[in-house]
Each structure stands twice: as structure tokens, then as C-alpha cells.
Amino acid sequence: EHEGTMIKYFAVRAQDGNIRTAFDACDVCGGHKGYRQNGNDVICNNCGRNFRIESIGEKNQGGGCWPSYLEHEIKNGNILIKKSDLESGRYMFS
């Protein structure tokens, strides 16, 4: 939460073993419905678009719905996300 706004994000492990992180929102569909996981995909709860987990956590792709990029690092087995990176996505949930 930042300034009264709940900022949602998710982390998933891809089949290659790598962790993927993204805001539970996109610039097109917003942050009020988010995504759900179905096997090796995540699905937008607003428009129904499917994304392979392996593609999540890459820089945002233009042209439509896409789980919004959220940078992270893995340190000592923990997922670390900077507070400033989380706060940068606040506008999607306002």
C-alpha cells in the first residue's frame, strides 16, 4: 500500500525455474481485475488475453494488454523488489 492505494503484484516460477514478477495490472485494462493463473499461462481477468509465464517480467510490450513490468532481483533465495519500483505502479490502481 502506498498513500492509501493497494498496489498488487505477483510472482510465478516459470518452467525454466526462473521467477517472473509483474504488477497485477496493465496500462490498457487497468489494475482493478488483474490476472489469474491457468497452468503455464496467466489470463487477464478483464479482456481474457493469455500470456505464457515465460514471457512475464519482460519490459512492457506495446499494443495492448500485458502484465506490467516489475523489476526484481533474487538474493539469498529471496525475491527483492524495491519500494520505489512498487510505488511507480501506483497509478494503475488509483
PDB file of N, CA and C in Angstrom:
ATOM      1  N   GLU A   1       0.847  -1.177   0.000  1.00  0.00           N
ATOM      2  CA  GLU A   1       0.000   0.000   0.000  1.00  0.00           C
ATOM      3  C   GLU A   1       0.889   1.236   0.000  1.00  0.00           C
ATOM      4  N   HIS A   2       0.491   2.213  -0.794  1.00  0.00           N
ATOM      5  CA  HIS A   2       1.227   3.480  -0.859  1.00  0.00           C
ATOM      6  C   HIS A   2       0.211   4.611  -0.945  1.00  0.00           C
ATOM      7  N   GLU A   3       0.268   5.512   0.018  1.00  0.00           N
ATOM      8  CA  GLU A   3      -0.638   6.660   0.074  1.00  0.00           C
ATOM      9  C   GLU A   3      -2.092   6.227  -0.070  1.00  0.00           C
ATOM     10  N   GLY A   4      -2.470   5.156   0.621  1.00  0.00           N
ATOM     11  CA  GLY A   4      -3.843   4.675   0.633  1.00  0.00           C
ATOM     12  C   GLY A   4      -4.254   3.827  -0.556  1.00  0.00           C
ATOM     13  N   THR A   5      -3.357   3.579  -1.473  1.00  0.00           N
ATOM     14  CA  THR A   5      -3.668   2.763  -2.650  1.00  0.00           C
ATOM     15  C   THR A   5      -2.983   1.408  -2.534  1.00  0.00           C
ATOM     16  N   MET A   6      -3.763   0.335  -2.636  1.00  0.00           N
ATOM     17  CA  MET A   6      -3.218  -1.015  -2.611  1.00  0.00           C
ATOM     18  C   MET A   6      -2.574  -1.310  -3.964  1.00  0.00           C
ATOM     19  N   ILE A   7      -1.286  -1.617  -3.937  1.00  0.00           N
ATOM     20  CA  ILE A   7      -0.535  -1.931  -5.153  1.00  0.00           C
ATOM     21  C   ILE A   7      -0.352  -3.443  -5.200  1.00  0.00           C
ATOM     22  N   LYS A   8      -0.925  -4.079  -6.222  1.00  0.00           N
ATOM     23  CA  LYS A   8      -0.889  -5.539  -6.311  1.00  0.00           C
ATOM     24  C   LYS A   8       0.127  -5.993  -7.357  1.00  0.00           C
ATOM     25  N   TYR A   9       0.773  -7.096  -7.049  1.00  0.00           N
ATOM     26  CA  TYR A   9       1.735  -7.692  -7.970  1.00  0.00           C
ATOM     27  C   TYR A   9       1.741  -9.187  -7.735  1.00  0.00           C
ATOM     28  N   PHE A  10       2.416  -9.915  -8.620  1.00  0.00           N
ATOM     29  CA  PHE A  10       2.518 -11.357  -8.426  1.00  0.00           C
ATOM     30  C   PHE A  10       3.898 -11.844  -8.831  1.00  0.00           C
ATOM     31  N   ALA A  11       4.240 -12.997  -8.310  1.00  0.00           N
ATOM     32  CA  ALA A  11       5.489 -13.688  -8.641  1.00  0.00           C
ATOM     33  C   ALA A  11       5.130 -15.127  -8.981  1.00  0.00           C
ATOM     34  N   VAL A  12       5.664 -15.627 -10.084  1.00  0.00           N
ATOM     35  CA  VAL A  12       5.433 -17.011 -10.503  1.00  0.00           C
ATOM     36  C   VAL A  12       6.754 -17.620 -10.945  1.00  0.00           C
ATOM     37  N   ARG A  13       6.853 -18.933 -10.799  1.00  0.00           N
ATOM     38  CA  ARG A  13       8.045 -19.643 -11.260  1.00  0.00           C
ATOM     39  C   ARG A  13       7.736 -20.248 -12.625  1.00  0.00           C
ATOM     40  N   ALA A  14       8.537 -19.896 -13.604  1.00  0.00           N
ATOM     41  CA  ALA A  14       8.375 -20.417 -14.961  1.00  0.00           C
ATOM     42  C   ALA A  14       8.918 -21.844 -15.038  1.00  0.00           C
ATOM     43  N   GLN A  15       8.607 -22.537 -16.121  1.00  0.00           N
ATOM     44  CA  GLN A  15       9.077 -23.911 -16.294  1.00  0.00           C
ATOM     45  C   GLN A  15      10.596 -23.997 -16.321  1.00  0.00           C
ATOM     46  N   ASP A  16      11.272 -22.908 -16.698  1.00  0.00           N
ATOM     47  CA  ASP A  16      12.737 -22.916 -16.707  1.00  0.00           C
ATOM     48  C   ASP A  16      13.333 -22.699 -15.317  1.00  0.00           C
ATOM     49  N   GLY A  17      12.452 -22.546 -14.305  1.00  0.00           N
ATOM     50  CA  GLY A  17      12.893 -22.373 -12.928  1.00  0.00           C
ATOM     51  C   GLY A  17      13.083 -20.929 -12.510  1.00  0.00           C
ATOM     52  N   ASN A  18      13.036 -20.003 -13.464  1.00  0.00           N
ATOM     53  CA  ASN A  18      13.211 -18.590 -13.143  1.00  0.00           C
ATOM     54  C   ASN A  18      11.930 -17.981 -12.589  1.00  0.00           C
ATOM     55  N   ILE A  19      12.095 -17.042 -11.679  1.00  0.00           N
ATOM     56  CA  ILE A  19      10.973 -16.316 -11.099  1.00  0.00           C
ATOM     57  C   ILE A  19      10.626 -15.147 -12.008  1.00  0.00           C
ATOM     58  N   ARG A  20       9.345 -14.935 -12.228  1.00  0.00           N
ATOM     59  CA  ARG A  20       8.841 -13.802 -13.010  1.00  0.00           C
ATOM     60  C   ARG A  20       7.972 -12.955 -12.084  1.00  0.00           C
ATOM     61  N   THR A  21       8.124 -11.637 -12.157  1.00  0.00           N
ATOM     62  CA  THR A  21       7.294 -10.733 -11.362  1.00  0.00           C
ATOM     63  C   THR A  21       6.654  -9.703 -12.281  1.00  0.00           C
ATOM     64  N   ALA A  22       5.448  -9.276 -11.916  1.00  0.00           N
ATOM     65  CA  ALA A  22       4.739  -8.249 -12.678  1.00  0.00           C
ATOM     66  C   ALA A  22       3.692  -7.622 -11.775  1.00  0.00           C
ATOM     67  N   PHE A  23       3.322  -6.393 -12.101  1.00  0.00           N
ATOM     68  CA  PHE A  23       2.165  -5.802 -11.442  1.00  0.00           C
ATOM     69  C   PHE A  23       0.946  -6.598 -11.864  1.00  0.00           C
ATOM     70  N   ASP A  24      -0.035  -6.692 -10.984  1.00  0.00           N
ATOM     71  CA  ASP A  24      -1.280  -7.388 -11.298  1.00  0.00           C
ATOM     72  C   ASP A  24      -2.197  -6.407 -12.033  1.00  0.00           C
ATOM     73  N   ALA A  25      -1.655  -5.816 -13.108  1.00  0.00           N
ATOM     74  CA  ALA A  25      -2.344  -4.758 -13.843  1.00  0.00           C
ATOM     75  C   ALA A  25      -1.640  -4.528 -15.171  1.00  0.00           C
ATOM     76  N   CYS A  26      -2.306  -3.768 -16.031  1.00  0.00           N
ATOM     77  CA  CYS A  26      -1.655  -3.297 -17.255  1.00  0.00           C
ATOM     78  C   CYS A  26      -2.177  -1.911 -17.582  1.00  0.00           C
ATOM     79  N   ASP A  27      -1.469  -1.208 -18.461  1.00  0.00           N
ATOM     80  CA  ASP A  27      -1.863   0.149 -18.831  1.00  0.00           C
ATOM     81  C   ASP A  27      -3.199   0.179 -19.567  1.00  0.00           C
ATOM     82  N   VAL A  28      -3.548  -0.884 -20.259  1.00  0.00           N
ATOM     83  CA  VAL A  28      -4.775  -0.916 -21.049  1.00  0.00           C
ATOM     84  C   VAL A  28      -5.977  -1.330 -20.196  1.00  0.00           C
ATOM     85  N   CYS A  29      -5.879  -2.460 -19.515  1.00  0.00           N
ATOM     86  CA  CYS A  29      -7.016  -3.000 -18.760  1.00  0.00           C
ATOM     87  C   CYS A  29      -7.081  -2.482 -17.324  1.00  0.00           C
ATOM     88  N   GLY A  30      -6.035  -1.812 -16.862  1.00  0.00           N
ATOM     89  CA  GLY A  30      -6.043  -1.266 -15.511  1.00  0.00           C
ATOM     90  C   GLY A  30      -5.677  -2.301 -14.466  1.00  0.00           C
ATOM     91  N   GLY A  31      -5.886  -1.927 -13.208  1.00  0.00           N
ATOM     92  CA  GLY A  31      -5.478  -2.781 -12.109  1.00  0.00           C
ATOM     93  C   GLY A  31      -6.599  -3.253 -11.224  1.00  0.00           C
ATOM     94  N   HIS A  32      -7.831  -3.155 -11.705  1.00  0.00           N
ATOM     95  CA  HIS A  32      -8.944  -3.499 -10.830  1.00  0.00           C
ATOM     96  C   HIS A  32      -9.420  -4.940 -10.992  1.00  0.00           C
ATOM     97  N   LYS A  33      -8.982  -5.622 -12.031  1.00  0.00           N
ATOM     98  CA  LYS A  33      -9.377  -7.024 -12.226  1.00  0.00           C
ATOM     99  C   LYS A  33      -8.189  -7.966 -12.180  1.00  0.00           C
ATOM    100  N   GLY A  34      -7.034  -7.542 -12.659  1.00  0.00           N
ATOM    101  CA  GLY A  34      -5.814  -8.334 -12.551  1.00  0.00           C
ATOM    102  C   GLY A  34      -5.783  -9.553 -13.454  1.00  0.00           C
ATOM    103  N   TYR A  35      -4.957 -10.523 -13.045  1.00  0.00           N
ATOM    104  CA  TYR A  35      -4.709 -11.740 -13.809  1.00  0.00           C
ATOM    105  C   TYR A  35      -4.947 -12.959 -12.931  1.00  0.00           C
ATOM    106  N   ARG A  36      -5.163 -14.108 -13.570  1.00  0.00           N
ATOM    107  CA  ARG A  36      -5.261 -15.382 -12.856  1.00  0.00           C
ATOM    108  C   ARG A  36      -4.355 -16.378 -13.569  1.00  0.00           C
ATOM    109  N   GLN A  37      -3.873 -17.358 -12.821  1.00  0.00           N
ATOM    110  CA  GLN A  37      -3.009 -18.374 -13.417  1.00  0.00           C
ATOM    111  C   GLN A  37      -3.834 -19.565 -13.850  1.00  0.00           C
ATOM    112  N   ASN A  38      -3.494 -20.121 -15.016  1.00  0.00           N
ATOM    113  CA  ASN A  38      -4.093 -21.344 -15.521  1.00  0.00           C
ATOM    114  C   ASN A  38      -2.962 -22.174 -16.112  1.00  0.00           C
ATOM    115  N   GLY A  39      -2.439 -23.115 -15.338  1.00  0.00           N
ATOM    116  CA  GLY A  39      -1.318 -23.925 -15.795  1.00  0.00           C
ATOM    117  C   GLY A  39      -0.082 -23.080 -16.019  1.00  0.00           C
ATOM    118  N   ASN A  40       0.456 -23.097 -17.241  1.00  0.00           N
ATOM    119  CA  ASN A  40       1.655 -22.330 -17.584  1.00  0.00           C
ATOM    120  C   ASN A  40       1.340 -20.965 -18.179  1.00  0.00           C
ATOM    121  N   ASP A  41       0.099 -20.523 -18.018  1.00  0.00           N
ATOM    122  CA  ASP A  41      -0.335 -19.223 -18.528  1.00  0.00           C
ATOM    123  C   ASP A  41      -0.896 -18.375 -17.399  1.00  0.00           C
ATOM    124  N   VAL A  42      -0.915 -17.062 -17.621  1.00  0.00           N
ATOM    125  CA  VAL A  42      -1.747 -16.166 -16.826  1.00  0.00           C
ATOM    126  C   VAL A  42      -2.738 -15.542 -17.797  1.00  0.00           C
ATOM    127  N   ILE A  43      -3.933 -15.267 -17.301  1.00  0.00           N
ATOM    128  CA  ILE A  43      -5.027 -14.774 -18.129  1.00  0.00           C
ATOM    129  C   ILE A  43      -5.532 -13.469 -17.536  1.00  0.00           C
ATOM    130  N   CYS A  44      -5.727 -12.469 -18.384  1.00  0.00           N
ATOM    131  CA  CYS A  44      -6.280 -11.196 -17.935  1.00  0.00           C
ATOM    132  C   CYS A  44      -7.748 -11.400 -17.555  1.00  0.00           C
ATOM    133  N   ASN A  45      -8.110 -10.980 -16.349  1.00  0.00           N
ATOM    134  CA  ASN A  45      -9.491 -11.106 -15.890  1.00  0.00           C
ATOM    135  C   ASN A  45     -10.413 -10.077 -16.537  1.00  0.00           C
ATOM    136  N   ASN A  46      -9.853  -9.114 -17.259  1.00  0.00           N
ATOM    137  CA  ASN A  46     -10.672  -8.106 -17.928  1.00  0.00           C
ATOM    138  C   ASN A  46     -10.938  -8.487 -19.387  1.00  0.00           C
ATOM    139  N   CYS A  47      -9.882  -8.704 -20.168  1.00  0.00           N
ATOM    140  CA  CYS A  47     -10.064  -8.944 -21.613  1.00  0.00           C
ATOM    141  C   CYS A  47      -9.904 -10.409 -22.016  1.00  0.00           C
ATOM    142  N   GLY A  48      -9.385 -11.258 -21.117  1.00  0.00           N
ATOM    143  CA  GLY A  48      -9.251 -12.682 -21.413  1.00  0.00           C
ATOM    144  C   GLY A  48      -7.993 -13.079 -22.161  1.00  0.00           C
ATOM    145  N   ARG A  49      -7.100 -12.134 -22.411  1.00  0.00           N
ATOM    146  CA  ARG A  49      -5.870 -12.454 -23.148  1.00  0.00           C
ATOM    147  C   ARG A  49      -4.963 -13.366 -22.322  1.00  0.00           C
ATOM    148  N   ASN A  50      -4.358 -14.366 -22.981  1.00  0.00           N
ATOM    149  CA  ASN A  50      -3.447 -15.318 -22.332  1.00  0.00           C
ATOM    150  C   ASN A  50      -2.001 -14.919 -22.564  1.00  0.00           C
ATOM    151  N   PHE A  51      -1.166 -15.199 -21.549  1.00  0.00           N
ATOM    152  CA  PHE A  51       0.270 -14.948 -21.643  1.00  0.00           C
ATOM    153  C   PHE A  51       1.009 -16.146 -21.085  1.00  0.00           C
ATOM    154  N   ARG A  52       2.021 -16.614 -21.782  1.00  0.00           N
ATOM    155  CA  ARG A  52       2.881 -17.670 -21.251  1.00  0.00           C
ATOM    156  C   ARG A  52       3.657 -17.102 -20.072  1.00  0.00           C
ATOM    157  N   ILE A  53       3.783 -17.859 -19.002  1.00  0.00           N
ATOM    158  CA  ILE A  53       4.519 -17.398 -17.830  1.00  0.00           C
ATOM    159  C   ILE A  53       5.947 -17.021 -18.209  1.00  0.00           C
ATOM    160  N   GLU A  54       6.554 -17.746 -19.152  1.00  0.00           N
ATOM    161  CA  GLU A  54       7.929 -17.451 -19.558  1.00  0.00           C
ATOM    162  C   GLU A  54       8.097 -16.041 -20.113  1.00  0.00           C
ATOM    163  N   SER A  55       7.011 -15.430 -20.610  1.00  0.00           N
ATOM    164  CA  SER A  55       7.107 -14.087 -21.197  1.00  0.00           C
ATOM    165  C   SER A  55       6.855 -12.973 -20.185  1.00  0.00           C
ATOM    166  N   ILE A  56       6.413 -13.323 -18.993  1.00  0.00           N
ATOM    167  CA  ILE A  56       6.104 -12.317 -17.973  1.00  0.00           C
ATOM    168  C   ILE A  56       7.389 -11.793 -17.357  1.00  0.00           C
ATOM    169  N   GLY A  57       7.351 -10.523 -17.003  1.00  0.00           N
ATOM    170  CA  GLY A  57       8.509  -9.925 -16.363  1.00  0.00           C
ATOM    171  C   GLY A  57       9.517  -9.373 -17.336  1.00  0.00           C
ATOM    172  N   GLU A  58       9.153  -9.326 -18.605  1.00  0.00           N
ATOM    173  CA  GLU A  58       9.985  -8.660 -19.593  1.00  0.00           C
ATOM    174  C   GLU A  58       9.509  -7.216 -19.672  1.00  0.00           C
ATOM    175  N   LYS A  59      10.301  -6.380 -20.283  1.00  0.00           N
ATOM    176  CA  LYS A  59       9.868  -4.991 -20.456  1.00  0.00           C
ATOM    177  C   LYS A  59       8.522  -4.981 -21.168  1.00  0.00           C
ATOM    178  N   ASN A  60       7.679  -4.014 -20.810  1.00  0.00           N
ATOM    179  CA  ASN A  60       6.337  -3.949 -21.379  1.00  0.00           C
ATOM    180  C   ASN A  60       6.372  -3.953 -22.896  1.00  0.00           C
ATOM    181  N   GLN A  61       5.424  -4.665 -23.460  1.00  0.00           N
ATOM    182  CA  GLN A  61       5.276  -4.746 -24.905  1.00  0.00           C
ATOM    183  C   GLN A  61       4.154  -3.794 -25.315  1.00  0.00           C
ATOM    184  N   GLY A  62       4.341  -3.063 -26.380  1.00  0.00           N
ATOM    185  CA  GLY A  62       3.313  -2.143 -26.845  1.00  0.00           C
ATOM    186  C   GLY A  62       2.164  -2.868 -27.516  1.00  0.00           C
ATOM    187  N   GLY A  63       1.040  -2.174 -27.648  1.00  0.00           N
ATOM    188  CA  GLY A  63      -0.046  -2.687 -28.456  1.00  0.00           C
ATOM    189  C   GLY A  63      -1.123  -3.456 -27.737  1.00  0.00           C
ATOM    190  N   GLY A  64      -1.260  -3.313 -26.453  1.00  0.00           N
ATOM    191  CA  GLY A  64      -2.385  -3.953 -25.797  1.00  0.00           C
ATOM    192  C   GLY A  64      -2.079  -4.456 -24.410  1.00  0.00           C
ATOM    193  N   CYS A  65      -2.962  -5.280 -23.937  1.00  0.00           N
ATOM    194  CA  CYS A  65      -2.871  -5.835 -22.586  1.00  0.00           C
ATOM    195  C   CYS A  65      -1.556  -6.600 -22.427  1.00  0.00           C
ATOM    196  N   TRP A  66      -0.895  -6.404 -21.289  1.00  0.00           N
ATOM    197  CA  TRP A  66       0.365  -7.082 -20.978  1.00  0.00           C
ATOM    198  C   TRP A  66       0.610  -6.925 -19.486  1.00  0.00           C
ATOM    199  N   PRO A  67       0.942  -8.000 -18.746  1.00  0.00           N
ATOM    200  CA  PRO A  67       1.258  -7.839 -17.320  1.00  0.00           C
ATOM    201  C   PRO A  67       2.398  -6.831 -17.156  1.00  0.00           C
ATOM    202  N   SER A  68       2.127  -5.751 -16.467  1.00  0.00           N
ATOM    203  CA  SER A  68       3.056  -4.628 -16.418  1.00  0.00           C
ATOM    204  C   SER A  68       4.350  -4.988 -15.696  1.00  0.00           C
ATOM    205  N   TYR A  69       5.445  -4.647 -16.324  1.00  0.00           N
ATOM    206  CA  TYR A  69       6.805  -4.971 -15.868  1.00  0.00           C
ATOM    207  C   TYR A  69       7.061  -4.496 -14.440  1.00  0.00           C
ATOM    208  N   LEU A  70       7.623  -5.375 -13.626  1.00  0.00           N
ATOM    209  CA  LEU A  70       8.053  -5.052 -12.265  1.00  0.00           C
ATOM    210  C   LEU A  70       9.412  -5.699 -12.048  1.00  0.00           C
ATOM    211  N   GLU A  71      10.414  -4.868 -11.925  1.00  0.00           N
ATOM    212  CA  GLU A  71      11.784  -5.359 -11.759  1.00  0.00           C
ATOM    213  C   GLU A  71      11.949  -6.028 -10.395  1.00  0.00           C
ATOM    214  N   HIS A  72      12.795  -7.049 -10.344  1.00  0.00           N
ATOM    215  CA  HIS A  72      13.121  -7.723  -9.082  1.00  0.00           C
ATOM    216  C   HIS A  72      14.528  -8.299  -9.188  1.00  0.00           C
ATOM    217  N   GLU A  73      15.035  -8.727  -8.060  1.00  0.00           N
ATOM    218  CA  GLU A  73      16.282  -9.496  -8.048  1.00  0.00           C
ATOM    219  C   GLU A  73      16.129 -10.614  -7.029  1.00  0.00           C
ATOM    220  N   ILE A  74      16.888 -11.665  -7.222  1.00  0.00           N
ATOM    221  CA  ILE A  74      16.906 -12.790  -6.292  1.00  0.00           C
ATOM    222  C   ILE A  74      18.202 -12.694  -5.502  1.00  0.00           C
ATOM    223  N   LYS A  75      18.075 -12.694  -4.177  1.00  0.00           N
ATOM    224  CA  LYS A  75      19.253 -12.608  -3.315  1.00  0.00           C
ATOM    225  C   LYS A  75      19.060 -13.569  -2.147  1.00  0.00           C
ATOM    226  N   ASN A  76      20.001 -14.491  -1.993  1.00  0.00           N
ATOM    227  CA  ASN A  76      19.928 -15.488  -0.919  1.00  0.00           C
ATOM    228  C   ASN A  76      18.591 -16.222  -0.914  1.00  0.00           C
ATOM    229  N   GLY A  77      18.070 -16.514  -2.095  1.00  0.00           N
ATOM    230  CA  GLY A  77      16.826 -17.264  -2.210  1.00  0.00           C
ATOM    231  C   GLY A  77      15.567 -16.446  -1.992  1.00  0.00           C
ATOM    232  N   ASN A  78      15.696 -15.128  -1.823  1.00  0.00           N
ATOM    233  CA  ASN A  78      14.546 -14.253  -1.607  1.00  0.00           C
ATOM    234  C   ASN A  78      14.311 -13.371  -2.828  1.00  0.00           C
ATOM    235  N   ILE A  79      13.048 -13.067  -3.085  1.00  0.00           N
ATOM    236  CA  ILE A  79      12.681 -12.138  -4.145  1.00  0.00           C
ATOM    237  C   ILE A  79      12.707 -10.739  -3.547  1.00  0.00           C
ATOM    238  N   LEU A  80      13.533  -9.854  -4.118  1.00  0.00           N
ATOM    239  CA  LEU A  80      13.630  -8.482  -3.634  1.00  0.00           C
ATOM    240  C   LEU A  80      13.068  -7.530  -4.683  1.00  0.00           C
ATOM    241  N   ILE A  81      12.145  -6.680  -4.236  1.00  0.00           N
ATOM    242  CA  ILE A  81      11.548  -5.658  -5.092  1.00  0.00           C
ATOM    243  C   ILE A  81      11.721  -4.328  -4.383  1.00  0.00           C
ATOM    244  N   LYS A  82      12.273  -3.354  -5.072  1.00  0.00           N
ATOM    245  CA  LYS A  82      12.488  -2.038  -4.473  1.00  0.00           C
ATOM    246  C   LYS A  82      11.152  -1.340  -4.232  1.00  0.00           C
ATOM    247  N   LYS A  83      11.073  -0.663  -3.098  1.00  0.00           N
ATOM    248  CA  LYS A  83       9.872   0.096  -2.762  1.00  0.00           C
ATOM    249  C   LYS A  83       9.552   1.111  -3.858  1.00  0.00           C
ATOM    250  N   SER A  84      10.570   1.771  -4.384  1.00  0.00           N
ATOM    251  CA  SER A  84      10.352   2.777  -5.435  1.00  0.00           C
ATOM    252  C   SER A  84       9.775   2.145  -6.706  1.00  0.00           C
ATOM    253  N   ASP A  85      10.171   0.900  -7.005  1.00  0.00           N
ATOM    254  CA  ASP A  85       9.608   0.212  -8.171  1.00  0.00           C
ATOM    255  C   ASP A  85       8.132  -0.104  -7.950  1.00  0.00           C
ATOM    256  N   LEU A  86       7.784  -0.533  -6.735  1.00  0.00           N
ATOM    257  CA  LEU A  86       6.373  -0.774  -6.419  1.00  0.00           C
ATOM    258  C   LEU A  86       5.568   0.515  -6.521  1.00  0.00           C
ATOM    259  N   GLU A  87       6.102   1.585  -5.937  1.00  0.00           N
ATOM    260  CA  GLU A  87       5.394   2.866  -5.943  1.00  0.00           C
ATOM    261  C   GLU A  87       5.191   3.400  -7.360  1.00  0.00           C
ATOM    262  N   SER A  88       6.083   3.046  -8.278  1.00  0.00           N
ATOM    263  CA  SER A  88       5.963   3.537  -9.657  1.00  0.00           C
ATOM    264  C   SER A  88       4.713   2.997 -10.354  1.00  0.00           C
ATOM    265  N   GLY A  89       4.138   1.902  -9.862  1.00  0.00           N
ATOM    266  CA  GLY A  89       2.936   1.328 -10.460  1.00  0.00           C
ATOM    267  C   GLY A  89       1.641   1.769  -9.810  1.00  0.00           C
ATOM    268  N   ARG A  90       1.725   2.669  -8.857  1.00  0.00           N
ATOM    269  CA  ARG A  90       0.541   3.108  -8.107  1.00  0.00           C
ATOM    270  C   ARG A  90      -0.571   3.619  -9.020  1.00  0.00           C
ATOM    271  N   TYR A  91      -0.198   4.353 -10.063  1.00  0.00           N
ATOM    272  CA  TYR A  91      -1.199   4.968 -10.944  1.00  0.00           C
ATOM    273  C   TYR A  91      -2.166   3.942 -11.543  1.00  0.00           C
ATOM    274  N   MET A  92      -1.723   2.695 -11.698  1.00  0.00           N
ATOM    275  CA  MET A  92      -2.586   1.677 -12.307  1.00  0.00           C
ATOM    276  C   MET A  92      -3.703   1.225 -11.377  1.00  0.00           C
ATOM    277  N   PHE A  93      -3.573   1.505 -10.083  1.00  0.00           N
ATOM    278  CA  PHE A  93      -4.540   1.035  -9.100  1.00  0.00           C
ATOM    279  C   PHE A  93      -5.361   2.166  -8.487  1.00  0.00           C
ATOM    280  N   SER A  94      -5.127   3.391  -8.932  1.00  0.00           N
ATOM    281  CA  SER A  94      -5.836   4.557  -8.372  1.00  0.00           C
ATOM    282  C   SER A  94      -7.235   4.674  -8.927  1.00  0.00           C
TER     283      SER A  94
END
